[in-house]
N, C-alpha and C. Protein backbone atom coordinates (compact mmCIF):
# COMPACT_ATOMS: atom_id res chain seq x y z
N MET A 1 2.45 3.06 13.78
CA MET A 1 1.86 1.86 12.74
C MET A 1 2.81 0.34 13.24
N ASN A 2 1.53 -0.51 13.00
CA ASN A 2 1.75 -1.38 13.80
C ASN A 2 2.52 -2.37 12.64
N GLY A 3 2.90 -3.80 13.01
CA GLY A 3 3.75 -4.79 11.98
C GLY A 3 2.66 -5.08 10.47
N PRO A 4 1.44 -5.31 10.54
CA PRO A 4 0.74 -5.47 9.01
C PRO A 4 0.81 -4.34 8.23
N LEU A 5 0.59 -3.19 8.96
CA LEU A 5 0.41 -2.07 8.01
C LEU A 5 1.63 -1.39 7.35
N LYS A 6 2.67 -1.66 8.39
CA LYS A 6 4.10 -1.61 7.79
C LYS A 6 4.23 -2.85 6.39
N ALA A 7 4.02 -3.79 6.70
CA ALA A 7 4.07 -4.67 6.00
C ALA A 7 3.27 -4.68 4.52
N ALA A 8 2.21 -3.84 4.77
CA ALA A 8 1.45 -3.79 3.30
C ALA A 8 1.73 -2.42 2.61
N TRP A 9 2.33 -1.28 3.72
CA TRP A 9 2.93 -0.31 3.09
C TRP A 9 4.26 -0.59 2.14
N ALA A 10 4.92 -1.48 2.73
CA ALA A 10 6.09 -2.46 2.03
C ALA A 10 5.82 -2.71 1.15
N LEU A 11 4.88 -3.97 1.01
CA LEU A 11 4.42 -4.38 -0.13
C LEU A 11 3.70 -3.55 -1.26
N THR A 12 3.12 -2.69 -0.97
CA THR A 12 2.17 -1.20 -1.79
C THR A 12 3.49 -0.38 -2.76
N ALA A 13 4.95 -0.47 -1.60
CA ALA A 13 6.05 0.17 -2.48
C ALA A 13 6.63 -0.86 -3.35
N PHE A 14 6.71 -2.17 -2.88
CA PHE A 14 7.46 -2.74 -3.64
C PHE A 14 6.89 -3.41 -5.13
N VAL A 15 5.60 -3.17 -5.02
CA VAL A 15 4.91 -3.34 -6.91
C VAL A 15 4.82 -2.46 -7.27
N VAL A 16 4.80 -0.93 -6.88
CA VAL A 16 5.22 0.30 -7.56
C VAL A 16 6.82 0.20 -8.17
N LEU A 17 7.34 0.06 -7.04
CA LEU A 17 8.92 0.00 -7.79
C LEU A 17 8.93 -1.22 -8.74
N LEU A 18 8.54 -2.19 -8.54
CA LEU A 18 8.99 -3.36 -9.55
C LEU A 18 8.30 -3.16 -10.66
N GLY A 19 7.24 -2.60 -11.00
CA GLY A 19 6.53 -1.70 -12.14
C GLY A 19 7.56 -0.92 -12.56
N ALA A 20 7.62 -0.09 -12.07
CA ALA A 20 8.42 0.68 -12.78
C ALA A 20 9.96 0.20 -13.67
N VAL A 21 10.21 -0.29 -12.44
CA VAL A 21 11.91 -1.16 -13.07
C VAL A 21 11.69 -2.00 -14.23
N LEU A 22 10.43 -3.17 -14.48
CA LEU A 22 10.53 -3.71 -14.95
C LEU A 22 9.79 -3.10 -16.30
N TRP A 23 9.04 -2.09 -16.42
CA TRP A 23 8.67 -1.46 -17.49
C TRP A 23 9.97 -0.52 -18.25
N VAL A 24 10.88 -0.07 -17.49
CA VAL A 24 12.25 0.30 -18.05
C VAL A 24 12.85 -0.40 -18.42
N VAL A 25 13.23 -1.45 -17.84
CA VAL A 25 13.78 -2.62 -18.74
C VAL A 25 13.56 -3.39 -19.84
N THR A 26 12.27 -3.85 -19.66
CA THR A 26 11.46 -4.27 -20.48
C THR A 26 11.31 -3.87 -21.78
N GLY A 27 10.69 -2.15 -21.57
CA GLY A 27 10.22 -1.10 -22.51
C GLY A 27 8.78 -2.07 -22.58
N GLU A 28 8.05 -2.94 -21.90
CA GLU A 28 6.54 -3.42 -22.26
C GLU A 28 5.48 -2.38 -21.30
N ALA A 29 4.69 -1.72 -21.84
CA ALA A 29 4.07 -0.81 -21.02
C ALA A 29 3.20 -1.48 -20.09
N VAL A 30 3.00 -2.92 -20.57
CA VAL A 30 1.93 -3.51 -19.53
C VAL A 30 2.04 -3.35 -18.12
N PHE A 31 3.69 -3.31 -17.41
CA PHE A 31 3.96 -2.97 -16.38
C PHE A 31 3.61 -2.04 -15.93
N ALA A 32 3.05 -0.91 -16.51
CA ALA A 32 2.36 0.29 -15.95
C ALA A 32 1.28 0.09 -14.97
N VAL A 33 0.63 -1.03 -15.54
CA VAL A 33 -0.70 -1.88 -14.37
C VAL A 33 -0.26 -2.08 -12.93
N PHE A 34 1.40 -2.46 -12.72
CA PHE A 34 1.84 -2.46 -11.09
C PHE A 34 1.76 -1.19 -10.77
N ILE A 35 2.27 -0.22 -11.29
CA ILE A 35 2.24 0.96 -10.94
C ILE A 35 1.02 1.77 -10.73
N VAL A 36 -0.16 1.73 -11.65
CA VAL A 36 -1.41 1.76 -11.38
C VAL A 36 -2.05 1.43 -10.03
N LEU A 37 -2.21 0.24 -10.23
CA LEU A 37 -2.77 -0.59 -8.95
C LEU A 37 -1.93 -0.57 -7.49
N GLY A 38 -0.98 -0.63 -7.66
CA GLY A 38 0.29 -0.06 -6.51
C GLY A 38 -0.37 1.22 -5.55
N LEU A 39 -0.32 2.29 -6.75
CA LEU A 39 -0.96 3.78 -6.37
C LEU A 39 -2.36 3.52 -5.54
N LEU A 40 -3.28 3.19 -6.29
CA LEU A 40 -4.41 2.95 -6.34
C LEU A 40 -4.63 1.99 -4.64
N THR A 41 -4.30 1.45 -4.40
CA THR A 41 -4.05 0.59 -3.27
C THR A 41 -3.75 1.87 -2.25
N ALA A 42 -2.19 2.42 -2.14
CA ALA A 42 -2.29 3.38 -1.31
C ALA A 42 -2.94 4.42 -1.09
N LEU A 43 -3.59 4.87 -2.38
CA LEU A 43 -4.77 5.83 -2.26
C LEU A 43 -6.13 5.14 -1.44
N GLY A 44 -6.51 4.15 -1.51
CA GLY A 44 -7.33 3.79 -1.14
C GLY A 44 -7.37 3.58 0.39
N ALA A 45 -6.21 3.67 0.64
CA ALA A 45 -5.52 3.21 2.63
C ALA A 45 -5.88 4.51 3.13
N VAL A 46 -5.42 5.66 2.50
CA VAL A 46 -5.14 6.99 3.00
C VAL A 46 -6.75 7.49 2.80
N LEU A 47 -7.14 6.86 2.16
CA LEU A 47 -8.74 7.75 1.87
C LEU A 47 -10.03 7.05 2.87
N THR A 48 -9.56 6.10 2.95
CA THR A 48 -10.42 5.08 4.11
C THR A 48 -9.90 4.90 5.69
N GLY A 49 -9.19 6.20 5.59
CA GLY A 49 -8.46 6.26 7.25
C GLY A 49 -7.79 4.80 7.31
N ARG A 50 -7.70 3.90 6.74
CA ARG A 50 -6.83 3.31 7.51
C ARG A 50 -5.46 3.30 8.09
N SER A 51 -4.34 4.37 7.49
CA SER A 51 -3.47 4.85 7.44
C SER A 51 -3.11 5.99 7.86
N ARG A 52 -2.90 6.35 9.14
CA ARG A 52 -2.79 7.80 9.39
C ARG A 52 -1.57 8.07 9.80
N PRO A 53 -1.49 9.35 9.23
CA PRO A 53 0.30 10.19 9.56
C PRO A 53 0.45 10.04 10.94
N ASP A 54 -0.21 10.09 11.92
CA ASP A 54 0.18 10.16 13.25
C ASP A 54 0.47 8.89 14.09
N GLY A 55 0.20 7.72 13.21
CA GLY A 55 -0.03 6.29 13.27
C GLY A 55 -0.87 5.51 14.40
N ARG A 56 -2.04 6.44 14.30
CA ARG A 56 -2.97 5.73 14.98
C ARG A 56 -3.96 5.20 13.79
N SER A 57 -4.77 4.21 14.60
CA SER A 57 -5.74 3.56 13.48
C SER A 57 -7.07 3.93 13.76
N THR A 58 -7.67 3.92 12.48
CA THR A 58 -9.06 4.37 12.92
C THR A 58 -10.12 3.15 12.62
N GLY A 59 -9.22 2.44 12.66
CA GLY A 59 -10.06 0.56 12.29
C GLY A 59 -11.11 0.42 13.55
N PRO A 60 -11.54 -0.67 13.24
CA PRO A 60 -12.26 -1.37 14.77
C PRO A 60 -11.41 -1.43 15.79
N LYS A 61 -12.28 -0.94 16.73
CA LYS A 61 -11.32 -0.90 18.48
C LYS A 61 -11.66 -2.59 18.88
N GLU A 62 -10.77 -2.92 19.47
CA GLU A 62 -10.34 -4.30 19.73
C GLU A 62 -11.05 -4.29 21.33
N SER A 63 -12.03 -5.33 21.44
CA SER A 63 -12.53 -5.85 22.69
C SER A 63 -11.84 -6.26 23.67
N ASN A 64 -12.19 -6.30 24.88
CA ASN A 64 -11.45 -6.95 25.57
C ASN A 64 -11.85 -7.69 26.33
N PRO A 65 -12.60 -8.82 25.81
CA PRO A 65 -13.84 -9.74 26.59
C PRO A 65 -12.93 -10.27 28.01
N SER A 66 -13.67 -9.49 29.01
CA SER A 66 -13.09 -10.34 30.60
C SER A 66 -14.04 -10.93 31.35
């Protein structure tokens, strides 16, 4: 898994965790939106193959113009 992908997963986890904490602390259900959006982002990454468990990317191949 490369650096940008790790950062994206960390941001997704942060958004979900932040939404859960703020929902519990404030009691405002509007923070459930953070949880839903974070989970949808993660689901989209998994379903589109942008993040694979074996660490290989299925994204576009980098060309090496020599």
